[in-house]
PDB file of all heavy atoms in Angstrom:
ATOM      1  N   TYR A   1       0.142  -0.980  15.599  1.00  0.00           N
ATOM      2  CA  TYR A   1       0.889  -2.222  15.453  1.00  0.00           C
ATOM      3  C   TYR A   1       0.023  -3.299  14.791  1.00  0.00           C
ATOM      4  O   TYR A   1       0.204  -4.491  15.050  1.00  0.00           O
ATOM      5  CB  TYR A   1       1.395  -2.698  16.810  1.00  0.00           C
ATOM      6  CG  TYR A   1       2.342  -1.706  17.459  1.00  0.00           C
ATOM      7  CD1 TYR A   1       1.917  -0.886  18.499  1.00  0.00           C
ATOM      8  CD2 TYR A   1       3.653  -1.568  17.005  1.00  0.00           C
ATOM      9  CE1 TYR A   1       2.773   0.042  19.080  1.00  0.00           C
ATOM     10  CE2 TYR A   1       4.518  -0.650  17.577  1.00  0.00           C
ATOM     11  CZ  TYR A   1       4.078   0.152  18.607  1.00  0.00           C
ATOM     12  OH  TYR A   1       4.923   1.079  19.177  1.00  0.00           O
ATOM     13  N   GLU A   2      -0.896  -2.878  13.948  1.00  0.00           N
ATOM     14  CA  GLU A   2      -1.791  -3.804  13.249  1.00  0.00           C
ATOM     15  C   GLU A   2      -0.991  -4.879  12.509  1.00  0.00           C
ATOM     16  O   GLU A   2      -0.129  -4.578  11.679  1.00  0.00           O
ATOM     17  CB  GLU A   2      -2.641  -3.032  12.247  1.00  0.00           C
ATOM     18  CG  GLU A   2      -3.590  -3.887  11.430  1.00  0.00           C
ATOM     19  CD  GLU A   2      -4.727  -4.466  12.249  1.00  0.00           C
ATOM     20  OE1 GLU A   2      -5.187  -3.797  13.209  1.00  0.00           O
ATOM     21  OE2 GLU A   2      -5.159  -5.590  11.931  1.00  0.00           O
ATOM     22  N   PRO A   3      -1.261  -6.174  12.791  1.00  0.00           N
ATOM     23  CA  PRO A   3      -0.562  -7.230  12.051  1.00  0.00           C
ATOM     24  C   PRO A   3      -0.963  -7.191  10.570  1.00  0.00           C
ATOM     25  O   PRO A   3      -2.105  -6.879  10.239  1.00  0.00           O
ATOM     26  CB  PRO A   3      -1.073  -8.516  12.719  1.00  0.00           C
ATOM     27  CG  PRO A   3      -1.665  -8.082  14.024  1.00  0.00           C
ATOM     28  CD  PRO A   3      -2.170  -6.691  13.815  1.00  0.00           C
ATOM     29  N   ASP A   4      -0.036  -7.491   9.700  1.00  0.00           N
ATOM     30  CA  ASP A   4      -0.300  -7.518   8.260  1.00  0.00           C
ATOM     31  C   ASP A   4      -1.039  -6.245   7.844  1.00  0.00           C
ATOM     32  O   ASP A   4      -2.084  -6.282   7.196  1.00  0.00           O
ATOM     33  CB  ASP A   4      -1.124  -8.753   7.899  1.00  0.00           C
ATOM     34  CG  ASP A   4      -1.088  -9.069   6.403  1.00  0.00           C
ATOM     35  OD1 ASP A   4      -0.369  -8.363   5.658  1.00  0.00           O
ATOM     36  OD2 ASP A   4      -1.810  -9.988   5.976  1.00  0.00           O
ATOM     37  N   TYR A   5      -0.458  -5.098   8.207  1.00  0.00           N
ATOM     38  CA  TYR A   5      -1.155  -3.822   8.040  1.00  0.00           C
ATOM     39  C   TYR A   5      -1.432  -3.474   6.593  1.00  0.00           C
ATOM     40  O   TYR A   5      -2.435  -2.825   6.281  1.00  0.00           O
ATOM     41  CB  TYR A   5      -0.360  -2.699   8.711  1.00  0.00           C
ATOM     42  CG  TYR A   5       0.925  -2.323   8.005  1.00  0.00           C
ATOM     43  CD1 TYR A   5       0.954  -1.280   7.096  1.00  0.00           C
ATOM     44  CD2 TYR A   5       2.113  -3.015   8.248  1.00  0.00           C
ATOM     45  CE1 TYR A   5       2.131  -0.932   6.440  1.00  0.00           C
ATOM     46  CE2 TYR A   5       3.285  -2.672   7.607  1.00  0.00           C
ATOM     47  CZ  TYR A   5       3.295  -1.630   6.702  1.00  0.00           C
ATOM     48  OH  TYR A   5       4.448  -1.296   6.054  1.00  0.00           O
ATOM     49  N   ILE A   6      -0.564  -3.916   5.673  1.00  0.00           N
ATOM     50  CA  ILE A   6      -0.791  -3.585   4.256  1.00  0.00           C
ATOM     51  C   ILE A   6      -2.101  -4.194   3.778  1.00  0.00           C
ATOM     52  O   ILE A   6      -2.936  -3.515   3.151  1.00  0.00           O
ATOM     53  CB  ILE A   6       0.397  -4.074   3.400  1.00  0.00           C
ATOM     54  CG1 ILE A   6       1.628  -3.202   3.676  1.00  0.00           C
ATOM     55  CG2 ILE A   6       0.049  -4.049   1.919  1.00  0.00           C
ATOM     56  CD1 ILE A   6       2.882  -3.664   2.963  1.00  0.00           C
ATOM     57  N   LYS A   7      -2.323  -5.451   4.074  1.00  0.00           N
ATOM     58  CA  LYS A   7      -3.574  -6.105   3.687  1.00  0.00           C
ATOM     59  C   LYS A   7      -4.753  -5.478   4.415  1.00  0.00           C
ATOM     60  O   LYS A   7      -5.820  -5.251   3.822  1.00  0.00           O
ATOM     61  CB  LYS A   7      -3.492  -7.599   4.012  1.00  0.00           C
ATOM     62  CG  LYS A   7      -4.763  -8.362   3.701  1.00  0.00           C
ATOM     63  CD  LYS A   7      -4.628  -9.834   4.098  1.00  0.00           C
ATOM     64  CE  LYS A   7      -5.940 -10.591   3.853  1.00  0.00           C
ATOM     65  NZ  LYS A   7      -5.827 -12.018   4.281  1.00  0.00           N
ATOM     66  N   ALA A   8      -4.574  -5.181   5.709  1.00  0.00           N
ATOM     67  CA  ALA A   8      -5.672  -4.635   6.494  1.00  0.00           C
ATOM     68  C   ALA A   8      -6.068  -3.232   6.042  1.00  0.00           C
ATOM     69  O   ALA A   8      -7.247  -2.882   6.021  1.00  0.00           O
ATOM     70  CB  ALA A   8      -5.296  -4.622   7.977  1.00  0.00           C
ATOM     71  N   PHE A   9      -5.087  -2.397   5.675  1.00  0.00           N
ATOM     72  CA  PHE A   9      -5.382  -1.015   5.293  1.00  0.00           C
ATOM     73  C   PHE A   9      -5.870  -0.891   3.853  1.00  0.00           C
ATOM     74  O   PHE A   9      -6.798  -0.133   3.579  1.00  0.00           O
ATOM     75  CB  PHE A   9      -4.131  -0.152   5.457  1.00  0.00           C
ATOM     76  CG  PHE A   9      -3.674   0.045   6.876  1.00  0.00           C
ATOM     77  CD1 PHE A   9      -2.430   0.592   7.135  1.00  0.00           C
ATOM     78  CD2 PHE A   9      -4.466  -0.325   7.957  1.00  0.00           C
ATOM     79  CE1 PHE A   9      -1.987   0.782   8.439  1.00  0.00           C
ATOM     80  CE2 PHE A   9      -4.039  -0.155   9.260  1.00  0.00           C
ATOM     81  CZ  PHE A   9      -2.788   0.398   9.508  1.00  0.00           C
ATOM     82  N   TRP A  10      -5.223  -1.599   2.921  1.00  0.00           N
ATOM     83  CA  TRP A  10      -5.484  -1.340   1.504  1.00  0.00           C
ATOM     84  C   TRP A  10      -5.847  -2.563   0.684  1.00  0.00           C
ATOM     85  O   TRP A  10      -6.258  -2.425  -0.469  1.00  0.00           O
ATOM     86  CB  TRP A  10      -4.251  -0.676   0.870  1.00  0.00           C
ATOM     87  CG  TRP A  10      -3.906   0.614   1.537  1.00  0.00           C
ATOM     88  CD1 TRP A  10      -4.611   1.781   1.487  1.00  0.00           C
ATOM     89  CD2 TRP A  10      -2.776   0.868   2.370  1.00  0.00           C
ATOM     90  NE1 TRP A  10      -3.996   2.751   2.238  1.00  0.00           N
ATOM     91  CE2 TRP A  10      -2.846   2.217   2.787  1.00  0.00           C
ATOM     92  CE3 TRP A  10      -1.684   0.110   2.787  1.00  0.00           C
ATOM     93  CZ2 TRP A  10      -1.894   2.800   3.613  1.00  0.00           C
ATOM     94  CZ3 TRP A  10      -0.737   0.686   3.611  1.00  0.00           C
ATOM     95  CH2 TRP A  10      -0.851   2.022   4.010  1.00  0.00           C
ATOM     96  N   GLY A  11      -5.686  -3.764   1.202  1.00  0.00           N
ATOM     97  CA  GLY A  11      -5.996  -4.947   0.415  1.00  0.00           C
ATOM     98  C   GLY A  11      -5.159  -5.011  -0.848  1.00  0.00           C
ATOM     99  O   GLY A  11      -3.952  -4.769  -0.839  1.00  0.00           O
ATOM    100  N   ASP A  12      -5.819  -5.302  -1.963  1.00  0.00           N
ATOM    101  CA  ASP A  12      -5.117  -5.471  -3.232  1.00  0.00           C
ATOM    102  C   ASP A  12      -4.688  -4.150  -3.870  1.00  0.00           C
ATOM    103  O   ASP A  12      -4.059  -4.159  -4.935  1.00  0.00           O
ATOM    104  CB  ASP A  12      -6.009  -6.228  -4.222  1.00  0.00           C
ATOM    105  CG  ASP A  12      -6.249  -7.672  -3.799  1.00  0.00           C
ATOM    106  OD1 ASP A  12      -5.431  -8.201  -3.011  1.00  0.00           O
ATOM    107  OD2 ASP A  12      -7.248  -8.265  -4.251  1.00  0.00           O
ATOM    108  N   ASN A  13      -5.011  -3.022  -3.264  1.00  0.00           N
ATOM    109  CA  ASN A  13      -4.651  -1.723  -3.840  1.00  0.00           C
ATOM    110  C   ASN A  13      -3.210  -1.318  -3.563  1.00  0.00           C
ATOM    111  O   ASN A  13      -2.724  -0.333  -4.139  1.00  0.00           O
ATOM    112  CB  ASN A  13      -5.573  -0.620  -3.299  1.00  0.00           C
ATOM    113  CG  ASN A  13      -6.965  -0.710  -3.887  1.00  0.00           C
ATOM    114  OD1 ASN A  13      -7.136  -1.027  -5.058  1.00  0.00           O
ATOM    115  ND2 ASN A  13      -7.971  -0.424  -3.062  1.00  0.00           N
ATOM    116  N   TYR A  14      -2.516  -2.033  -2.696  1.00  0.00           N
ATOM    117  CA  TYR A  14      -1.221  -1.529  -2.234  1.00  0.00           C
ATOM    118  C   TYR A  14      -0.189  -1.412  -3.349  1.00  0.00           C
ATOM    119  O   TYR A  14       0.538  -0.411  -3.424  1.00  0.00           O
ATOM    120  CB  TYR A  14      -0.666  -2.401  -1.109  1.00  0.00           C
ATOM    121  CG  TYR A  14       0.618  -1.824  -0.555  1.00  0.00           C
ATOM    122  CD1 TYR A  14       0.591  -0.731   0.318  1.00  0.00           C
ATOM    123  CD2 TYR A  14       1.860  -2.333  -0.927  1.00  0.00           C
ATOM    124  CE1 TYR A  14       1.749  -0.173   0.815  1.00  0.00           C
ATOM    125  CE2 TYR A  14       3.030  -1.782  -0.437  1.00  0.00           C
ATOM    126  CZ  TYR A  14       2.972  -0.702   0.434  1.00  0.00           C
ATOM    127  OH  TYR A  14       4.125  -0.140   0.904  1.00  0.00           O
ATOM    128  N   ASP A  15      -0.073  -2.401  -4.214  1.00  0.00           N
ATOM    129  CA  ASP A  15       0.963  -2.357  -5.247  1.00  0.00           C
ATOM    130  C   ASP A  15       0.773  -1.148  -6.157  1.00  0.00           C
ATOM    131  O   ASP A  15       1.741  -0.484  -6.547  1.00  0.00           O
ATOM    132  CB  ASP A  15       0.957  -3.649  -6.062  1.00  0.00           C
ATOM    133  CG  ASP A  15       1.491  -4.840  -5.275  1.00  0.00           C
ATOM    134  OD1 ASP A  15       2.144  -4.620  -4.235  1.00  0.00           O
ATOM    135  OD2 ASP A  15       1.238  -5.984  -5.696  1.00  0.00           O
ATOM    136  N   LYS A  16      -0.466  -0.853  -6.500  1.00  0.00           N
ATOM    137  CA  LYS A  16      -0.737   0.319  -7.332  1.00  0.00           C
ATOM    138  C   LYS A  16      -0.385   1.598  -6.581  1.00  0.00           C
ATOM    139  O   LYS A  16       0.208   2.521  -7.151  1.00  0.00           O
ATOM    140  CB  LYS A  16      -2.199   0.335  -7.766  1.00  0.00           C
ATOM    141  CG  LYS A  16      -2.559   1.493  -8.688  1.00  0.00           C
ATOM    142  CD  LYS A  16      -4.012   1.404  -9.157  1.00  0.00           C
ATOM    143  CE  LYS A  16      -4.367   2.575 -10.069  1.00  0.00           C
ATOM    144  NZ  LYS A  16      -5.781   2.489 -10.542  1.00  0.00           N
ATOM    145  N   LEU A  17      -0.737   1.659  -5.316  1.00  0.00           N
ATOM    146  CA  LEU A  17      -0.408   2.838  -4.512  1.00  0.00           C
ATOM    147  C   LEU A  17       1.100   3.025  -4.419  1.00  0.00           C
ATOM    148  O   LEU A  17       1.607   4.151  -4.500  1.00  0.00           O
ATOM    149  CB  LEU A  17      -1.005   2.687  -3.106  1.00  0.00           C
ATOM    150  CG  LEU A  17      -2.506   2.895  -2.989  1.00  0.00           C
ATOM    151  CD1 LEU A  17      -3.009   2.437  -1.620  1.00  0.00           C
ATOM    152  CD2 LEU A  17      -2.877   4.358  -3.209  1.00  0.00           C
ATOM    153  N   LEU A  18       1.831   1.945  -4.260  1.00  0.00           N
ATOM    154  CA  LEU A  18       3.276   2.047  -4.155  1.00  0.00           C
ATOM    155  C   LEU A  18       3.891   2.577  -5.447  1.00  0.00           C
ATOM    156  O   LEU A  18       4.820   3.396  -5.414  1.00  0.00           O
ATOM    157  CB  LEU A  18       3.872   0.692  -3.800  1.00  0.00           C
ATOM    158  CG  LEU A  18       5.380   0.655  -3.568  1.00  0.00           C
ATOM    159  CD1 LEU A  18       5.786   1.593  -2.429  1.00  0.00           C
ATOM    160  CD2 LEU A  18       5.841  -0.769  -3.259  1.00  0.00           C
ATOM    161  N   SER A  19       3.365   2.155  -6.576  1.00  0.00           N
ATOM    162  CA  SER A  19       3.894   2.655  -7.852  1.00  0.00           C
ATOM    163  C   SER A  19       3.611   4.141  -8.017  1.00  0.00           C
ATOM    164  O   SER A  19       4.442   4.882  -8.567  1.00  0.00           O
ATOM    165  CB  SER A  19       3.298   1.864  -9.017  1.00  0.00           C
ATOM    166  OG  SER A  19       1.909   2.140  -9.188  1.00  0.00           O
ATOM    167  N   ILE A  20       2.464   4.600  -7.545  1.00  0.00           N
ATOM    168  CA  ILE A  20       2.138   6.033  -7.602  1.00  0.00           C
ATOM    169  C   ILE A  20       3.056   6.814  -6.667  1.00  0.00           C
ATOM    170  O   ILE A  20       3.545   7.898  -7.009  1.00  0.00           O
ATOM    171  CB  ILE A  20       0.656   6.257  -7.255  1.00  0.00           C
ATOM    172  CG1 ILE A  20      -0.232   5.577  -8.300  1.00  0.00           C
ATOM    173  CG2 ILE A  20       0.332   7.749  -7.174  1.00  0.00           C
ATOM    174  CD1 ILE A  20      -1.701   5.509  -7.902  1.00  0.00           C
ATOM    175  N   LYS A  21       3.294   6.262  -5.505  1.00  0.00           N
ATOM    176  CA  LYS A  21       4.226   6.874  -4.563  1.00  0.00           C
ATOM    177  C   LYS A  21       5.599   7.052  -5.203  1.00  0.00           C
ATOM    178  O   LYS A  21       6.218   8.128  -5.118  1.00  0.00           O
ATOM    179  CB  LYS A  21       4.319   6.001  -3.306  1.00  0.00           C
ATOM    180  CG  LYS A  21       5.491   6.298  -2.373  1.00  0.00           C
ATOM    181  CD  LYS A  21       5.324   7.597  -1.641  1.00  0.00           C
ATOM    182  CE  LYS A  21       6.418   7.753  -0.591  1.00  0.00           C
ATOM    183  NZ  LYS A  21       6.363   9.086   0.047  1.00  0.00           N
ATOM    184  N   GLN A  22       6.080   6.024  -5.863  1.00  0.00           N
ATOM    185  CA  GLN A  22       7.398   6.080  -6.484  1.00  0.00           C
ATOM    186  C   GLN A  22       7.437   7.062  -7.641  1.00  0.00           C
ATOM    187  O   GLN A  22       8.469   7.686  -7.917  1.00  0.00           O
ATOM    188  CB  GLN A  22       7.801   4.679  -6.934  1.00  0.00           C
ATOM    189  CG  GLN A  22       8.047   3.731  -5.758  1.00  0.00           C
ATOM    190  CD  GLN A  22       8.148   2.269  -6.171  1.00  0.00           C
ATOM    191  OE1 GLN A  22       7.711   1.887  -7.265  1.00  0.00           O
ATOM    192  NE2 GLN A  22       8.696   1.439  -5.281  1.00  0.00           N
ATOM    193  N   LYS A  23       6.315   7.254  -8.319  1.00  0.00           N
ATOM    194  CA  LYS A  23       6.250   8.207  -9.432  1.00  0.00           C
ATOM    195  C   LYS A  23       6.377   9.642  -8.940  1.00  0.00           C
ATOM    196  O   LYS A  23       7.133  10.438  -9.505  1.00  0.00           O
ATOM    197  CB  LYS A  23       4.939   8.015 -10.192  1.00  0.00           C
ATOM    198  CG  LYS A  23       4.693   9.073 -11.268  1.00  0.00           C
ATOM    199  CD  LYS A  23       3.334   8.886 -11.941  1.00  0.00           C
ATOM    200  CE  LYS A  23       3.041  10.019 -12.920  1.00  0.00           C
ATOM    201  NZ  LYS A  23       1.712   9.852 -13.570  1.00  0.00           N
ATOM    202  N   TYR A  24       5.619   9.993  -7.905  1.00  0.00           N
ATOM    203  CA  TYR A  24       5.581  11.379  -7.449  1.00  0.00           C
ATOM    204  C   TYR A  24       6.632  11.700  -6.393  1.00  0.00           C
ATOM    205  O   TYR A  24       6.907  12.866  -6.122  1.00  0.00           O
ATOM    206  CB  TYR A  24       4.174  11.719  -6.917  1.00  0.00           C
ATOM    207  CG  TYR A  24       3.148  11.813  -8.009  1.00  0.00           C
ATOM    208  CD1 TYR A  24       2.321  10.736  -8.310  1.00  0.00           C
ATOM    209  CD2 TYR A  24       3.013  12.968  -8.764  1.00  0.00           C
ATOM    210  CE1 TYR A  24       1.378  10.815  -9.325  1.00  0.00           C
ATOM    211  CE2 TYR A  24       2.068  13.067  -9.783  1.00  0.00           C
ATOM    212  CZ  TYR A  24       1.260  11.978 -10.057  1.00  0.00           C
ATOM    213  OH  TYR A  24       0.334  12.069 -11.070  1.00  0.00           O
ATOM    214  N   ASP A  25       7.203  10.666  -5.801  1.00  0.00           N
ATOM    215  CA  ASP A  25       8.226  10.869  -4.768  1.00  0.00           C
ATOM    216  C   ASP A  25       9.338   9.846  -4.954  1.00  0.00           C
ATOM    217  O   ASP A  25       9.583   9.001  -4.085  1.00  0.00           O
ATOM    218  CB  ASP A  25       7.578  10.732  -3.386  1.00  0.00           C
ATOM    219  CG  ASP A  25       8.513  11.105  -2.242  1.00  0.00           C
ATOM    220  OD1 ASP A  25       9.575  11.696  -2.517  1.00  0.00           O
ATOM    221  OD2 ASP A  25       8.192  10.801  -1.078  1.00  0.00           O
TER     222      ASP A  25
END
């Protein structure tokens, strides 16, 4: 239940990761 988990887990990398996710899945 980490608050603001996107920032805590990946920082500024999340948007790029999401685009890769959408490409392959």
